[in-house]
Amino acid sequence: MTDLSQDESKLLSAISGGEWVRIDDLRDVTGIWRIHTIVQEMADRGLVEVQVRRTGNAVRVPRRRWGGQSG
């Protein structure tokens, strides 16, 4: 597994259930101010998936990382 920063570990812990979570909501939960930058960097490395939504972008751990089946 890739070495994670403290912020990345905190973000992964907050989204570990595999459900989509609004990125803006994660800022409040994790206290990470640069949340969008960190999410983008993690998405570039394949650690998280990002979904663009009109109501606010969302992020989750990819299914292959938490044991779900891909279709």
N, C-alpha and C. Protein backbone atom coordinates (compact mmCIF):
# COMPACT_ATOMS: atom_id res chain seq x y z
N MET A 1 0.84 -1.18 0.00
CA MET A 1 0.00 0.00 0.00
C MET A 1 0.88 1.25 0.00
N THR A 2 0.40 2.28 -0.60
CA THR A 2 1.12 3.54 -0.70
C THR A 2 1.19 4.20 0.67
N ASP A 3 2.34 4.82 0.94
CA ASP A 3 2.45 5.59 2.19
C ASP A 3 1.48 6.75 2.14
N LEU A 4 0.75 6.96 3.23
CA LEU A 4 -0.26 8.01 3.29
C LEU A 4 0.15 9.09 4.28
N SER A 5 -0.19 10.33 3.95
CA SER A 5 0.02 11.42 4.89
C SER A 5 -1.03 11.30 5.99
N GLN A 6 -0.85 12.09 7.03
CA GLN A 6 -1.81 12.08 8.14
C GLN A 6 -3.19 12.51 7.64
N ASP A 7 -3.25 13.55 6.78
CA ASP A 7 -4.53 14.00 6.23
C ASP A 7 -5.19 12.94 5.36
N GLU A 8 -4.38 12.25 4.55
CA GLU A 8 -4.93 11.20 3.69
C GLU A 8 -5.50 10.05 4.53
N SER A 9 -4.80 9.67 5.57
CA SER A 9 -5.29 8.61 6.46
C SER A 9 -6.59 9.02 7.13
N LYS A 10 -6.65 10.27 7.56
CA LYS A 10 -7.84 10.79 8.22
C LYS A 10 -9.02 10.79 7.24
N LEU A 11 -8.77 11.19 6.00
CA LEU A 11 -9.83 11.21 4.98
C LEU A 11 -10.32 9.79 4.69
N LEU A 12 -9.41 8.84 4.51
CA LEU A 12 -9.81 7.46 4.24
C LEU A 12 -10.63 6.88 5.39
N SER A 13 -10.26 7.21 6.61
CA SER A 13 -11.03 6.73 7.76
C SER A 13 -12.45 7.27 7.73
N ALA A 14 -12.61 8.52 7.30
CA ALA A 14 -13.93 9.16 7.27
C ALA A 14 -14.83 8.58 6.19
N ILE A 15 -14.25 7.98 5.14
CA ILE A 15 -15.06 7.46 4.04
C ILE A 15 -14.93 5.94 3.91
N SER A 16 -14.51 5.27 4.95
CA SER A 16 -14.19 3.84 4.87
C SER A 16 -15.39 2.94 4.61
N GLY A 17 -16.61 3.45 4.77
CA GLY A 17 -17.79 2.61 4.58
C GLY A 17 -18.14 2.32 3.13
N GLY A 18 -17.49 2.97 2.18
CA GLY A 18 -17.74 2.72 0.77
C GLY A 18 -18.88 3.53 0.18
N GLU A 19 -19.54 4.35 0.99
CA GLU A 19 -20.63 5.18 0.49
C GLU A 19 -20.08 6.51 -0.03
N TRP A 20 -20.83 7.14 -0.93
CA TRP A 20 -20.45 8.46 -1.43
C TRP A 20 -20.65 9.50 -0.32
N VAL A 21 -19.66 10.35 -0.14
CA VAL A 21 -19.71 11.40 0.87
C VAL A 21 -19.34 12.72 0.20
N ARG A 22 -20.14 13.77 0.46
CA ARG A 22 -19.84 15.08 -0.13
C ARG A 22 -18.50 15.58 0.40
N ILE A 23 -17.67 16.05 -0.51
CA ILE A 23 -16.33 16.52 -0.14
C ILE A 23 -16.42 17.70 0.82
N ASP A 24 -17.34 18.60 0.58
CA ASP A 24 -17.48 19.76 1.47
C ASP A 24 -17.87 19.33 2.89
N ASP A 25 -18.66 18.27 3.03
CA ASP A 25 -19.00 17.76 4.35
C ASP A 25 -17.77 17.18 5.05
N LEU A 26 -16.87 16.60 4.27
CA LEU A 26 -15.66 16.02 4.85
C LEU A 26 -14.75 17.08 5.46
N ARG A 27 -14.78 18.27 4.92
CA ARG A 27 -13.95 19.34 5.48
C ARG A 27 -14.34 19.57 6.94
N ASP A 28 -15.65 19.58 7.21
CA ASP A 28 -16.12 19.78 8.58
C ASP A 28 -15.77 18.59 9.48
N VAL A 29 -15.92 17.39 8.94
CA VAL A 29 -15.69 16.18 9.73
C VAL A 29 -14.20 15.99 10.05
N THR A 30 -13.34 16.21 9.06
CA THR A 30 -11.92 15.92 9.22
C THR A 30 -11.10 17.11 9.67
N GLY A 31 -11.61 18.33 9.44
CA GLY A 31 -10.83 19.52 9.76
C GLY A 31 -9.73 19.81 8.75
N ILE A 32 -9.73 19.11 7.62
CA ILE A 32 -8.71 19.31 6.59
C ILE A 32 -9.14 20.48 5.71
N TRP A 33 -8.39 21.55 5.74
CA TRP A 33 -8.76 22.75 4.99
C TRP A 33 -8.60 22.55 3.49
N ARG A 34 -7.52 21.88 3.05
CA ARG A 34 -7.24 21.67 1.62
C ARG A 34 -7.88 20.38 1.11
N ILE A 35 -9.06 20.08 1.55
CA ILE A 35 -9.70 18.79 1.27
C ILE A 35 -9.82 18.50 -0.23
N HIS A 36 -10.19 19.50 -1.04
CA HIS A 36 -10.37 19.26 -2.48
C HIS A 36 -9.04 18.90 -3.14
N THR A 37 -7.96 19.57 -2.75
CA THR A 37 -6.65 19.27 -3.31
C THR A 37 -6.21 17.86 -2.94
N ILE A 38 -6.40 17.51 -1.68
CA ILE A 38 -5.99 16.18 -1.22
C ILE A 38 -6.82 15.09 -1.90
N VAL A 39 -8.13 15.32 -2.03
CA VAL A 39 -8.98 14.35 -2.72
C VAL A 39 -8.53 14.17 -4.17
N GLN A 40 -8.21 15.27 -4.86
CA GLN A 40 -7.76 15.18 -6.25
C GLN A 40 -6.45 14.40 -6.36
N GLU A 41 -5.52 14.68 -5.46
CA GLU A 41 -4.23 13.96 -5.48
C GLU A 41 -4.45 12.46 -5.23
N MET A 42 -5.35 12.14 -4.31
CA MET A 42 -5.64 10.74 -4.02
C MET A 42 -6.37 10.07 -5.18
N ALA A 43 -7.25 10.79 -5.85
CA ALA A 43 -7.94 10.25 -7.02
C ALA A 43 -6.95 9.97 -8.14
N ASP A 44 -5.99 10.86 -8.32
CA ASP A 44 -4.96 10.66 -9.34
C ASP A 44 -4.16 9.39 -9.09
N ARG A 45 -4.02 9.01 -7.82
CA ARG A 45 -3.28 7.80 -7.45
C ARG A 45 -4.19 6.58 -7.36
N GLY A 46 -5.49 6.74 -7.61
CA GLY A 46 -6.42 5.62 -7.60
C GLY A 46 -6.87 5.19 -6.21
N LEU A 47 -6.64 6.03 -5.20
CA LEU A 47 -7.02 5.68 -3.83
C LEU A 47 -8.48 5.96 -3.54
N VAL A 48 -9.08 6.91 -4.26
CA VAL A 48 -10.49 7.26 -4.08
C VAL A 48 -11.12 7.50 -5.44
N GLU A 49 -12.45 7.43 -5.48
CA GLU A 49 -13.23 7.79 -6.67
C GLU A 49 -13.94 9.10 -6.38
N VAL A 50 -14.04 9.94 -7.39
CA VAL A 50 -14.75 11.21 -7.24
C VAL A 50 -15.92 11.22 -8.20
N GLN A 51 -17.05 11.70 -7.73
CA GLN A 51 -18.25 11.82 -8.54
C GLN A 51 -18.63 13.31 -8.56
N VAL A 52 -18.74 13.87 -9.77
CA VAL A 52 -19.12 15.26 -9.92
C VAL A 52 -20.64 15.36 -9.83
N ARG A 53 -21.11 16.20 -8.91
CA ARG A 53 -22.55 16.37 -8.70
C ARG A 53 -22.89 17.84 -8.68
N ARG A 54 -24.08 18.15 -9.09
CA ARG A 54 -24.55 19.53 -9.06
C ARG A 54 -24.64 20.05 -7.63
N THR A 55 -24.95 19.17 -6.70
CA THR A 55 -25.11 19.57 -5.30
C THR A 55 -23.80 19.55 -4.53
N GLY A 56 -22.72 19.22 -5.19
CA GLY A 56 -21.41 19.15 -4.54
C GLY A 56 -20.74 17.82 -4.84
N ASN A 57 -19.49 17.88 -5.23
CA ASN A 57 -18.76 16.66 -5.58
C ASN A 57 -18.68 15.72 -4.40
N ALA A 58 -18.66 14.42 -4.70
CA ALA A 58 -18.62 13.40 -3.66
C ALA A 58 -17.42 12.49 -3.89
N VAL A 59 -17.02 11.80 -2.83
CA VAL A 59 -15.86 10.92 -2.89
C VAL A 59 -16.18 9.63 -2.14
N ARG A 60 -15.54 8.54 -2.55
CA ARG A 60 -15.65 7.27 -1.82
C ARG A 60 -14.41 6.45 -2.09
N VAL A 61 -14.22 5.43 -1.27
CA VAL A 61 -13.16 4.46 -1.50
C VAL A 61 -13.64 3.55 -2.63
N PRO A 62 -12.81 3.30 -3.64
CA PRO A 62 -13.23 2.41 -4.72
C PRO A 62 -13.64 1.05 -4.19
N ARG A 63 -14.63 0.45 -4.80
CA ARG A 63 -15.16 -0.84 -4.35
C ARG A 63 -14.06 -1.90 -4.24
N ARG A 64 -13.13 -1.91 -5.15
CA ARG A 64 -12.08 -2.94 -5.11
C ARG A 64 -11.22 -2.82 -3.86
N ARG A 65 -11.21 -1.64 -3.22
CA ARG A 65 -10.39 -1.43 -2.02
C ARG A 65 -11.10 -1.90 -0.75
N TRP A 66 -12.44 -1.90 -0.75
CA TRP A 66 -13.13 -2.32 0.48
C TRP A 66 -13.83 -3.66 0.34
N GLY A 67 -13.50 -4.40 -0.72
CA GLY A 67 -13.96 -5.79 -0.80
C GLY A 67 -15.25 -6.01 -1.55
N GLY A 68 -15.82 -4.96 -2.15
CA GLY A 68 -17.04 -5.14 -2.93
C GLY A 68 -16.75 -5.80 -4.27
N GLN A 69 -17.79 -6.23 -4.93
CA GLN A 69 -17.65 -6.87 -6.23
C GLN A 69 -17.85 -5.84 -7.34
N SER A 70 -16.99 -5.88 -8.35
CA SER A 70 -17.18 -4.98 -9.48
C SER A 70 -18.10 -5.64 -10.49
N GLY A 71 -18.87 -4.81 -11.19
CA GLY A 71 -19.86 -5.35 -12.11
C GLY A 71 -19.33 -5.53 -13.42
